[in-house]
Amino acid sequence: MNIIVCIKQVPNTTDVRIDPVTNTLIRDGVESVINPFDAYAIEEAVRIRERCGGKVTAVTMGPPQAETALKEAIGLGCDEGVLVSDRKFAGSDTWATSYTLACAIQKLDAYDLVLCGKQASDGDTAQVGPGISTHLDIPQVTYVKKIVEINDKSARVERMTEEGYDVVEVPLPCLFTVVKEINTPRMPSLKGMMRAKSAKLVKWTAADLDADPAALGLDGSPTRVVKIFTPEPRKGGEMISGATGEVARELVELLKGEVV
């Protein structure tokens, strides 16, 4: 079974800074890590390969330094890593990002399953995974908490909901976005780290993808960050004290005044 894991290198969650001029993340000199939710996708991909055989390929779109995330993914059990990097991808929103990643996936060998973390810690949109499935025209199941059964034809999974979970059966190839409840990621083994150190990554630019140039980067992004600001602090609330009945009546009068 050929499994693709889409990962993202993100700033350490305690060290996120925004460029006030470009309204983009400042990455230079900032510690970066694999997006935490993507670690669960990597682990699940490796577990499926251990049960069913096949290959796990990690794919990321980002600056050249994102290759460190791919090497870490290989250390965690992935077989190969693909870095899609080009200045033409700069300014991509979630739609352009998912399009670019879909083009990279289509350039790879035939795949059976695409796994993504449910969202990235720096954007929190949860849109890239579903966007990839849309561009690839394959089924998707989001918020997967457990893969109950999987074979080369179909999969049965539990999808987390606010009330509990749904059981969904879906044909392959398909895409899952996973939540942290799905597993506990392993630590990299010494053998894995040694293999990652010598691993040769595949590196593709925009010219290597069979992509529409108008659909890449800022030109291909229907949404843009226009302004980022810190909300002004709210004033302290008003405390009401007294007997329960008196407090209730006073609160009702205050609310009436706000509604009017």
C-alpha atoms as a PDB file:
ATOM      1  CA  MET A   1       0.000   0.000   0.000  1.00  0.00           C
ATOM      2  CA  ASN A   2       1.428   3.374  -1.046  1.00  0.00           C
ATOM      3  CA  ILE A   3       0.698   6.059   1.547  1.00  0.00           C
ATOM      4  CA  ILE A   4       1.357   9.789   1.197  1.00  0.00           C
ATOM      5  CA  VAL A   5       1.705  11.882   4.361  1.00  0.00           C
ATOM      6  CA  CYS A   6       1.453  15.641   3.921  1.00  0.00           C
ATOM      7  CA  ILE A   7       3.366  17.486   6.618  1.00  0.00           C
ATOM      8  CA  LYS A   8       4.194  21.092   7.375  1.00  0.00           C
ATOM      9  CA  GLN A   9       7.088  22.723   9.156  1.00  0.00           C
ATOM     10  CA  VAL A  10       5.718  25.355  11.542  1.00  0.00           C
ATOM     11  CA  PRO A  11       7.248  27.794  14.024  1.00  0.00           C
ATOM     12  CA  ASN A  12       7.510  26.530  17.568  1.00  0.00           C
ATOM     13  CA  THR A  13       4.153  27.431  19.116  1.00  0.00           C
ATOM     14  CA  THR A  14       5.885  29.519  21.773  1.00  0.00           C
ATOM     15  CA  ASP A  15       7.761  31.568  19.197  1.00  0.00           C
ATOM     16  CA  VAL A  16       5.278  32.787  16.558  1.00  0.00           C
ATOM     17  CA  ARG A  17       5.936  36.259  15.144  1.00  0.00           C
ATOM     18  CA  ILE A  18       4.246  38.187  12.326  1.00  0.00           C
ATOM     19  CA  ASP A  19       5.949  40.592   9.914  1.00  0.00           C
ATOM     20  CA  PRO A  20       3.917  43.824  10.269  1.00  0.00           C
ATOM     21  CA  VAL A  21       4.683  44.837   6.664  1.00  0.00           C
ATOM     22  CA  THR A  22       3.936  41.599   4.778  1.00  0.00           C
ATOM     23  CA  ASN A  23       1.503  40.099   7.329  1.00  0.00           C
ATOM     24  CA  THR A  24       3.282  36.752   6.969  1.00  0.00           C
ATOM     25  CA  LEU A  25       5.039  34.553   9.503  1.00  0.00           C
ATOM     26  CA  ILE A  26       8.624  35.439  10.333  1.00  0.00           C
ATOM     27  CA  ARG A  27      10.590  32.223   9.860  1.00  0.00           C
ATOM     28  CA  ASP A  28      14.187  33.427   9.810  1.00  0.00           C
ATOM     29  CA  GLY A  29      15.891  32.699  13.111  1.00  0.00           C
ATOM     30  CA  VAL A  30      12.764  31.027  14.507  1.00  0.00           C
ATOM     31  CA  GLU A  31      12.845  27.453  15.799  1.00  0.00           C
ATOM     32  CA  SER A  32      10.713  25.216  13.586  1.00  0.00           C
ATOM     33  CA  VAL A  33       9.103  21.837  14.230  1.00  0.00           C
ATOM     34  CA  ILE A  34       6.845  19.383  12.442  1.00  0.00           C
ATOM     35  CA  ASN A  35       3.246  20.478  12.885  1.00  0.00           C
ATOM     36  CA  PRO A  36       2.113  18.499  15.966  1.00  0.00           C
ATOM     37  CA  PHE A  37      -1.009  17.053  14.310  1.00  0.00           C
ATOM     38  CA  ASP A  38       1.117  15.815  11.385  1.00  0.00           C
ATOM     39  CA  ALA A  39       3.122  13.655  13.799  1.00  0.00           C
ATOM     40  CA  TYR A  40      -0.043  11.591  14.376  1.00  0.00           C
ATOM     41  CA  ALA A  41      -0.508  11.244  10.601  1.00  0.00           C
ATOM     42  CA  ILE A  42       3.088  10.020  10.249  1.00  0.00           C
ATOM     43  CA  GLU A  43       2.640   7.475  13.030  1.00  0.00           C
ATOM     44  CA  GLU A  44      -0.608   6.150  11.579  1.00  0.00           C
ATOM     45  CA  ALA A  45       0.930   5.821   8.109  1.00  0.00           C
ATOM     46  CA  VAL A  46       3.846   3.824   9.520  1.00  0.00           C
ATOM     47  CA  ARG A  47       1.477   1.569  11.477  1.00  0.00           C
ATOM     48  CA  ILE A  48      -0.570   0.837   8.348  1.00  0.00           C
ATOM     49  CA  ARG A  49       2.603   0.002   6.410  1.00  0.00           C
ATOM     50  CA  GLU A  50       3.707  -2.322   9.207  1.00  0.00           C
ATOM     51  CA  ARG A  51       0.397  -4.195   8.918  1.00  0.00           C
ATOM     52  CA  CYS A  52      -0.180  -4.084   5.167  1.00  0.00           C
ATOM     53  CA  GLY A  53       3.255  -3.533   3.646  1.00  0.00           C
ATOM     54  CA  GLY A  54       4.044  -0.868   1.057  1.00  0.00           C
ATOM     55  CA  LYS A  55       5.704   2.525   1.271  1.00  0.00           C
ATOM     56  CA  VAL A  56       5.228   5.804   3.137  1.00  0.00           C
ATOM     57  CA  THR A  57       6.246   9.055   1.423  1.00  0.00           C
ATOM     58  CA  ALA A  58       6.300  12.360   3.316  1.00  0.00           C
ATOM     59  CA  VAL A  59       5.548  15.464   1.226  1.00  0.00           C
ATOM     60  CA  THR A  60       5.885  19.080   2.272  1.00  0.00           C
ATOM     61  CA  MET A  61       5.704  22.476   0.600  1.00  0.00           C
ATOM     62  CA  GLY A  62       7.926  25.129   2.086  1.00  0.00           C
ATOM     63  CA  PRO A  63      11.287  26.922   2.066  1.00  0.00           C
ATOM     64  CA  PRO A  64      14.541  24.957   1.638  1.00  0.00           C
ATOM     65  CA  GLN A  65      14.969  24.554   5.410  1.00  0.00           C
ATOM     66  CA  ALA A  66      11.771  22.457   5.470  1.00  0.00           C
ATOM     67  CA  GLU A  67      13.942  19.513   4.421  1.00  0.00           C
ATOM     68  CA  THR A  68      14.810  19.109   8.110  1.00  0.00           C
ATOM     69  CA  ALA A  69      11.148  18.252   8.762  1.00  0.00           C
ATOM     70  CA  LEU A  70      11.260  15.615   6.027  1.00  0.00           C
ATOM     71  CA  LYS A  71      14.407  14.078   7.490  1.00  0.00           C
ATOM     72  CA  GLU A  72      12.716  13.972  10.877  1.00  0.00           C
ATOM     73  CA  ALA A  73       9.738  12.229   9.259  1.00  0.00           C
ATOM     74  CA  ILE A  74      12.096   9.642   7.774  1.00  0.00           C
ATOM     75  CA  GLY A  75      13.608   9.176  11.226  1.00  0.00           C
ATOM     76  CA  LEU A  76      10.090   8.443  12.485  1.00  0.00           C
ATOM     77  CA  GLY A  77       9.578   5.714   9.903  1.00  0.00           C
ATOM     78  CA  CYS A  78       8.730   7.271   6.528  1.00  0.00           C
ATOM     79  CA  ASP A  79      10.525   5.713   3.563  1.00  0.00           C
ATOM     80  CA  GLU A  80      10.991   8.784   1.362  1.00  0.00           C
ATOM     81  CA  GLY A  81      10.671  12.559   1.490  1.00  0.00           C
ATOM     82  CA  VAL A  82       9.612  15.077  -1.170  1.00  0.00           C
ATOM     83  CA  LEU A  83      10.239  18.815  -0.787  1.00  0.00           C
ATOM     84  CA  VAL A  84       8.237  21.149  -3.022  1.00  0.00           C
ATOM     85  CA  SER A  85       9.968  24.505  -2.831  1.00  0.00           C
ATOM     86  CA  ASP A  86       9.984  27.578  -5.060  1.00  0.00           C
ATOM     87  CA  ARG A  87       9.643  31.320  -4.621  1.00  0.00           C
ATOM     88  CA  LYS A  88       6.670  31.094  -6.970  1.00  0.00           C
ATOM     89  CA  PHE A  89       4.775  29.396  -4.128  1.00  0.00           C
ATOM     90  CA  ALA A  90       5.269  32.403  -1.808  1.00  0.00           C
ATOM     91  CA  GLY A  91       2.057  33.890  -0.448  1.00  0.00           C
ATOM     92  CA  SER A  92      -0.011  30.755  -1.093  1.00  0.00           C
ATOM     93  CA  ASP A  93      -3.244  30.573   0.852  1.00  0.00           C
ATOM     94  CA  THR A  94      -4.823  27.237   1.765  1.00  0.00           C
ATOM     95  CA  TRP A  95      -6.377  26.825  -1.703  1.00  0.00           C
ATOM     96  CA  ALA A  96      -3.127  27.419  -3.596  1.00  0.00           C
ATOM     97  CA  THR A  97      -1.214  25.287  -1.086  1.00  0.00           C
ATOM     98  CA  SER A  98      -3.587  22.349  -1.472  1.00  0.00           C
ATOM     99  CA  TYR A  99      -3.406  22.698  -5.268  1.00  0.00           C
ATOM    100  CA  THR A 100       0.390  22.620  -5.227  1.00  0.00           C
ATOM    101  CA  LEU A 101       0.508  19.598  -2.924  1.00  0.00           C
ATOM    102  CA  ALA A 102      -2.058  17.805  -5.085  1.00  0.00           C
ATOM    103  CA  CYS A 103       0.117  18.399  -8.158  1.00  0.00           C
ATOM    104  CA  ALA A 104       3.096  16.914  -6.296  1.00  0.00           C
ATOM    105  CA  ILE A 105       1.071  13.871  -5.219  1.00  0.00           C
ATOM    106  CA  GLN A 106      -0.091  13.295  -8.805  1.00  0.00           C
ATOM    107  CA  LYS A 107       3.550  13.344  -9.925  1.00  0.00           C
ATOM    108  CA  LEU A 108       4.372  10.495  -7.528  1.00  0.00           C
ATOM    109  CA  ASP A 109       3.639   6.819  -8.121  1.00  0.00           C
ATOM    110  CA  ALA A 110       0.071   5.588  -7.777  1.00  0.00           C
ATOM    111  CA  TYR A 111      -1.135   6.074  -4.196  1.00  0.00           C
ATOM    112  CA  ASP A 112      -3.769   4.373  -2.078  1.00  0.00           C
ATOM    113  CA  LEU A 113      -4.099   6.739   0.867  1.00  0.00           C
ATOM    114  CA  VAL A 114      -3.254  10.351   1.729  1.00  0.00           C
ATOM    115  CA  LEU A 115      -2.957  11.282   5.411  1.00  0.00           C
ATOM    116  CA  CYS A 116      -2.847  14.780   6.907  1.00  0.00           C
ATOM    117  CA  GLY A 117      -3.027  16.221  10.393  1.00  0.00           C
ATOM    118  CA  LYS A 118      -6.410  17.819  11.020  1.00  0.00           C
ATOM    119  CA  GLN A 119      -4.919  21.316  10.975  1.00  0.00           C
ATOM    120  CA  ALA A 120      -1.681  23.283  11.249  1.00  0.00           C
ATOM    121  CA  SER A 121      -0.759  25.009  14.492  1.00  0.00           C
ATOM    122  CA  ASP A 122       0.184  28.259  12.748  1.00  0.00           C
ATOM    123  CA  GLY A 123      -2.940  28.684  10.605  1.00  0.00           C
ATOM    124  CA  ASP A 124      -5.583  26.549  12.369  1.00  0.00           C
ATOM    125  CA  THR A 125      -7.784  26.523   9.251  1.00  0.00           C
ATOM    126  CA  ALA A 126      -8.133  22.731   8.742  1.00  0.00           C
ATOM    127  CA  GLN A 127      -8.625  23.492   5.036  1.00  0.00           C
ATOM    128  CA  VAL A 128      -5.535  22.091   3.305  1.00  0.00           C
ATOM    129  CA  GLY A 129      -6.391  18.399   3.710  1.00  0.00           C
ATOM    130  CA  PRO A 130      -9.931  18.772   2.300  1.00  0.00           C
ATOM    131  CA  GLY A 131      -8.516  21.039  -0.416  1.00  0.00           C
ATOM    132  CA  ILE A 132      -6.055  18.355  -1.513  1.00  0.00           C
ATOM    133  CA  SER A 133      -8.844  15.781  -1.806  1.00  0.00           C
ATOM    134  CA  THR A 134     -10.876  18.246  -3.872  1.00  0.00           C
ATOM    135  CA  HIS A 135      -8.025  18.845  -6.313  1.00  0.00           C
ATOM    136  CA  LEU A 136      -7.296  15.107  -6.527  1.00  0.00           C
ATOM    137  CA  ASP A 137     -11.021  14.341  -6.865  1.00  0.00           C
ATOM    138  CA  ILE A 138     -10.915  11.574  -4.236  1.00  0.00           C
ATOM    139  CA  PRO A 139     -13.128  10.926  -1.179  1.00  0.00           C
ATOM    140  CA  GLN A 140     -12.149  12.437   2.163  1.00  0.00           C
ATOM    141  CA  VAL A 141     -12.935  11.741   5.797  1.00  0.00           C
ATOM    142  CA  THR A 142     -11.967  14.408   8.329  1.00  0.00           C
ATOM    143  CA  TYR A 143     -11.274  14.142  12.074  1.00  0.00           C
ATOM    144  CA  VAL A 144     -10.483  10.425  11.911  1.00  0.00           C
ATOM    145  CA  LYS A 145      -9.900   9.022  15.412  1.00  0.00           C
ATOM    146  CA  LYS A 146      -9.477   5.360  14.508  1.00  0.00           C
ATOM    147  CA  ILE A 147      -8.870   3.278  11.399  1.00  0.00           C
ATOM    148  CA  VAL A 148     -10.906   0.170  12.187  1.00  0.00           C
ATOM    149  CA  GLU A 149     -10.080  -1.764   9.033  1.00  0.00           C
ATOM    150  CA  ILE A 150      -8.200  -1.071   5.815  1.00  0.00           C
ATOM    151  CA  ASN A 151      -7.298  -3.078   2.726  1.00  0.00           C
ATOM    152  CA  ASP A 152      -6.347  -2.305  -0.854  1.00  0.00           C
ATOM    153  CA  LYS A 153      -9.976  -1.618  -1.790  1.00  0.00           C
ATOM    154  CA  SER A 154     -11.585   0.260   1.102  1.00  0.00           C
ATOM    155  CA  ALA A 155     -11.310   1.468   4.685  1.00  0.00           C
ATOM    156  CA  ARG A 156     -13.651   1.679   7.654  1.00  0.00           C
ATOM    157  CA  VAL A 157     -12.913   4.460  10.124  1.00  0.00           C
ATOM    158  CA  GLU A 158     -14.336   6.243  13.128  1.00  0.00           C
ATOM    159  CA  ARG A 159     -14.788   9.952  12.566  1.00  0.00           C
ATOM    160  CA  MET A 160     -14.921  12.148  15.671  1.00  0.00           C
ATOM    161  CA  THR A 161     -17.951  14.391  16.139  1.00  0.00           C
ATOM    162  CA  GLU A 162     -19.115  16.679  18.933  1.00  0.00           C
ATOM    163  CA  GLU A 163     -21.611  14.039  20.075  1.00  0.00           C
ATOM    164  CA  GLY A 164     -19.328  10.994  19.739  1.00  0.00           C
ATOM    165  CA  TYR A 165     -18.203   9.446  16.462  1.00  0.00           C
ATOM    166  CA  ASP A 166     -19.488   8.247  13.096  1.00  0.00           C
ATOM    167  CA  VAL A 167     -18.449   4.971  11.461  1.00  0.00           C
ATOM    168  CA  VAL A 168     -17.620   5.642   7.816  1.00  0.00           C
ATOM    169  CA  GLU A 169     -16.710   3.186   5.069  1.00  0.00           C
ATOM    170  CA  VAL A 170     -14.913   4.697   2.092  1.00  0.00           C
ATOM    171  CA  PRO A 171     -13.293   3.335  -1.099  1.00  0.00           C
ATOM    172  CA  LEU A 172      -9.589   3.821  -1.782  1.00  0.00           C
ATOM    173  CA  PRO A 173      -7.819   5.941  -2.865  1.00  0.00           C
ATOM    174  CA  CYS A 174      -8.979   8.503  -0.327  1.00  0.00           C
ATOM    175  CA  LEU A 175      -7.730  11.150   2.088  1.00  0.00           C
ATOM    176  CA  PHE A 176      -7.995  11.217   5.877  1.00  0.00           C
ATOM    177  CA  THR A 177      -7.263  14.054   8.265  1.00  0.00           C
ATOM    178  CA  VAL A 178      -6.489  12.657  11.707  1.00  0.00           C
ATOM    179  CA  VAL A 179      -6.860  13.877  15.270  1.00  0.00           C
ATOM    180  CA  LYS A 180      -4.525  13.266  18.206  1.00  0.00           C
ATOM    181  CA  GLU A 181      -6.781  10.575  19.656  1.00  0.00           C
ATOM    182  CA  ILE A 182      -5.800   8.202  16.849  1.00  0.00           C
ATOM    183  CA  ASN A 183      -2.454   7.076  18.341  1.00  0.00           C
ATOM    184  CA  THR A 184       0.623   7.948  20.356  1.00  0.00           C
ATOM    185  CA  PRO A 185       3.550   8.906  18.087  1.00  0.00           C
ATOM    186  CA  ARG A 186       6.756   6.941  18.611  1.00  0.00           C
ATOM    187  CA  MET A 187      10.178   8.400  19.255  1.00  0.00           C
ATOM    188  CA  PRO A 188      12.706   8.133  16.415  1.00  0.00           C
ATOM    189  CA  SER A 189      14.900   5.042  16.640  1.00  0.00           C
ATOM    190  CA  LEU A 190      18.670   5.125  16.313  1.00  0.00           C
ATOM    191  CA  LYS A 191      18.364   3.181  13.071  1.00  0.00           C
ATOM    192  CA  GLY A 192      15.788   5.651  11.817  1.00  0.00           C
ATOM    193  CA  MET A 193      17.938   8.652  12.683  1.00  0.00           C
ATOM    194  CA  MET A 194      20.934   7.145  10.903  1.00  0.00           C
ATOM    195  CA  ARG A 195      18.821   6.449   7.820  1.00  0.00           C
ATOM    196  CA  ALA A 196      17.409   9.972   7.903  1.00  0.00           C
ATOM    197  CA  LYS A 197      20.867  11.480   8.079  1.00  0.00           C
ATOM    198  CA  SER A 198      21.909   9.876   4.795  1.00  0.00           C
ATOM    199  CA  ALA A 199      18.510  10.042   3.080  1.00  0.00           C
ATOM    200  CA  LYS A 200      18.357  11.646  -0.366  1.00  0.00           C
ATOM    201  CA  LEU A 201      15.288  13.836  -0.641  1.00  0.00           C
ATOM    202  CA  VAL A 202      13.364  14.495  -3.835  1.00  0.00           C
ATOM    203  CA  LYS A 203      13.211  18.242  -4.512  1.00  0.00           C
ATOM    204  CA  TRP A 204      10.767  19.772  -6.965  1.00  0.00           C
ATOM    205  CA  THR A 205      10.257  23.363  -8.074  1.00  0.00           C
ATOM    206  CA  ALA A 206       7.245  24.859  -9.831  1.00  0.00           C
ATOM    207  CA  ALA A 207       8.815  23.924 -13.179  1.00  0.00           C
ATOM    208  CA  ASP A 208       8.813  20.250 -12.169  1.00  0.00           C
ATOM    209  CA  LEU A 209       5.074  20.161 -11.525  1.00  0.00           C
ATOM    210  CA  ASP A 210       2.441  19.919 -14.218  1.00  0.00           C
ATOM    211  CA  ALA A 211       0.704  22.917 -12.682  1.00  0.00           C
ATOM    212  CA  ASP A 212      -1.066  26.016 -13.906  1.00  0.00           C
ATOM    213  CA  PRO A 213       1.267  28.957 -13.065  1.00  0.00           C
ATOM    214  CA  ALA A 214      -1.769  31.168 -12.464  1.00  0.00           C
ATOM    215  CA  ALA A 215      -2.914  28.806  -9.689  1.00  0.00           C
ATOM    216  CA  LEU A 216       0.316  29.087  -7.672  1.00  0.00           C
ATOM    217  CA  GLY A 217       1.398  31.500  -4.941  1.00  0.00           C
ATOM    218  CA  LEU A 218      -0.333  34.849  -4.564  1.00  0.00           C
ATOM    219  CA  ASP A 219      -1.794  34.733  -8.081  1.00  0.00           C
ATOM    220  CA  GLY A 220      -3.570  31.490  -7.267  1.00  0.00           C
ATOM    221  CA  SER A 221      -4.781  32.582  -3.832  1.00  0.00           C
ATOM    222  CA  PRO A 222      -8.391  33.826  -3.654  1.00  0.00           C
ATOM    223  CA  THR A 223      -7.844  34.916  -0.023  1.00  0.00           C
ATOM    224  CA  ARG A 224      -5.188  37.230   1.381  1.00  0.00           C
ATOM    225  CA  VAL A 225      -4.252  38.533   4.824  1.00  0.00           C
ATOM    226  CA  VAL A 226      -5.024  42.245   4.630  1.00  0.00           C
ATOM    227  CA  LYS A 227      -4.470  43.246   8.242  1.00  0.00           C
ATOM    228  CA  ILE A 228      -3.259  41.684  11.483  1.00  0.00           C
ATOM    229  CA  PHE A 229      -3.746  43.479  14.774  1.00  0.00           C
ATOM    230  CA  THR A 230      -4.016  42.857  18.487  1.00  0.00           C
ATOM    231  CA  PRO A 231      -7.541  43.600  19.779  1.00  0.00           C
ATOM    232  CA  GLU A 232      -7.771  46.393  22.330  1.00  0.00           C
ATOM    233  CA  PRO A 233      -8.158  45.046  25.874  1.00  0.00           C
ATOM    234  CA  ARG A 234     -11.713  45.027  27.153  1.00  0.00           C
ATOM    235  CA  LYS A 235     -12.703  47.058  30.177  1.00  0.00           C
ATOM    236  CA  GLY A 236     -13.363  45.227  33.409  1.00  0.00           C
ATOM    237  CA  GLY A 237     -16.827  43.806  33.881  1.00  0.00           C
ATOM    238  CA  GLU A 238     -19.383  45.148  36.346  1.00  0.00           C
ATOM    239  CA  MET A 239     -19.951  43.078  39.482  1.00  0.00           C
ATOM    240  CA  ILE A 240     -23.460  42.797  40.925  1.00  0.00           C
ATOM    241  CA  SER A 241     -23.867  41.636  44.499  1.00  0.00           C
ATOM    242  CA  GLY A 242     -26.793  41.101  46.798  1.00  0.00           C
ATOM    243  CA  ALA A 243     -29.607  38.622  47.255  1.00  0.00           C
ATOM    244  CA  THR A 244     -30.341  36.320  44.339  1.00  0.00           C
ATOM    245  CA  GLY A 245     -33.685  37.927  43.486  1.00  0.00           C
ATOM    246  CA  GLU A 246     -32.265  41.450  43.631  1.00  0.00           C
ATOM    247  CA  VAL A 247     -29.280  40.503  41.484  1.00  0.00           C
ATOM    248  CA  ALA A 248     -31.579  38.886  38.905  1.00  0.00           C
ATOM    249  CA  ARG A 249     -33.830  41.944  38.673  1.00  0.00           C
ATOM    250  CA  GLU A 250     -30.880  44.298  38.352  1.00  0.00           C
ATOM    251  CA  LEU A 251     -29.319  42.107  35.680  1.00  0.00           C
ATOM    252  CA  VAL A 252     -32.567  42.083  33.691  1.00  0.00           C
ATOM    253  CA  GLU A 253     -32.734  45.884  33.818  1.00  0.00           C
ATOM    254  CA  LEU A 254     -29.134  46.171  32.634  1.00  0.00           C
ATOM    255  CA  LEU A 255     -29.803  43.807  29.734  1.00  0.00           C
ATOM    256  CA  LYS A 256     -32.928  45.762  28.765  1.00  0.00           C
ATOM    257  CA  GLY A 257     -30.822  48.891  28.594  1.00  0.00           C
ATOM    258  CA  GLU A 258     -28.304  47.194  26.288  1.00  0.00           C
ATOM    259  CA  VAL A 259     -30.991  45.842  23.973  1.00  0.00           C
ATOM    260  CA  VAL A 260     -32.726  49.192  23.646  1.00  0.00           C
END
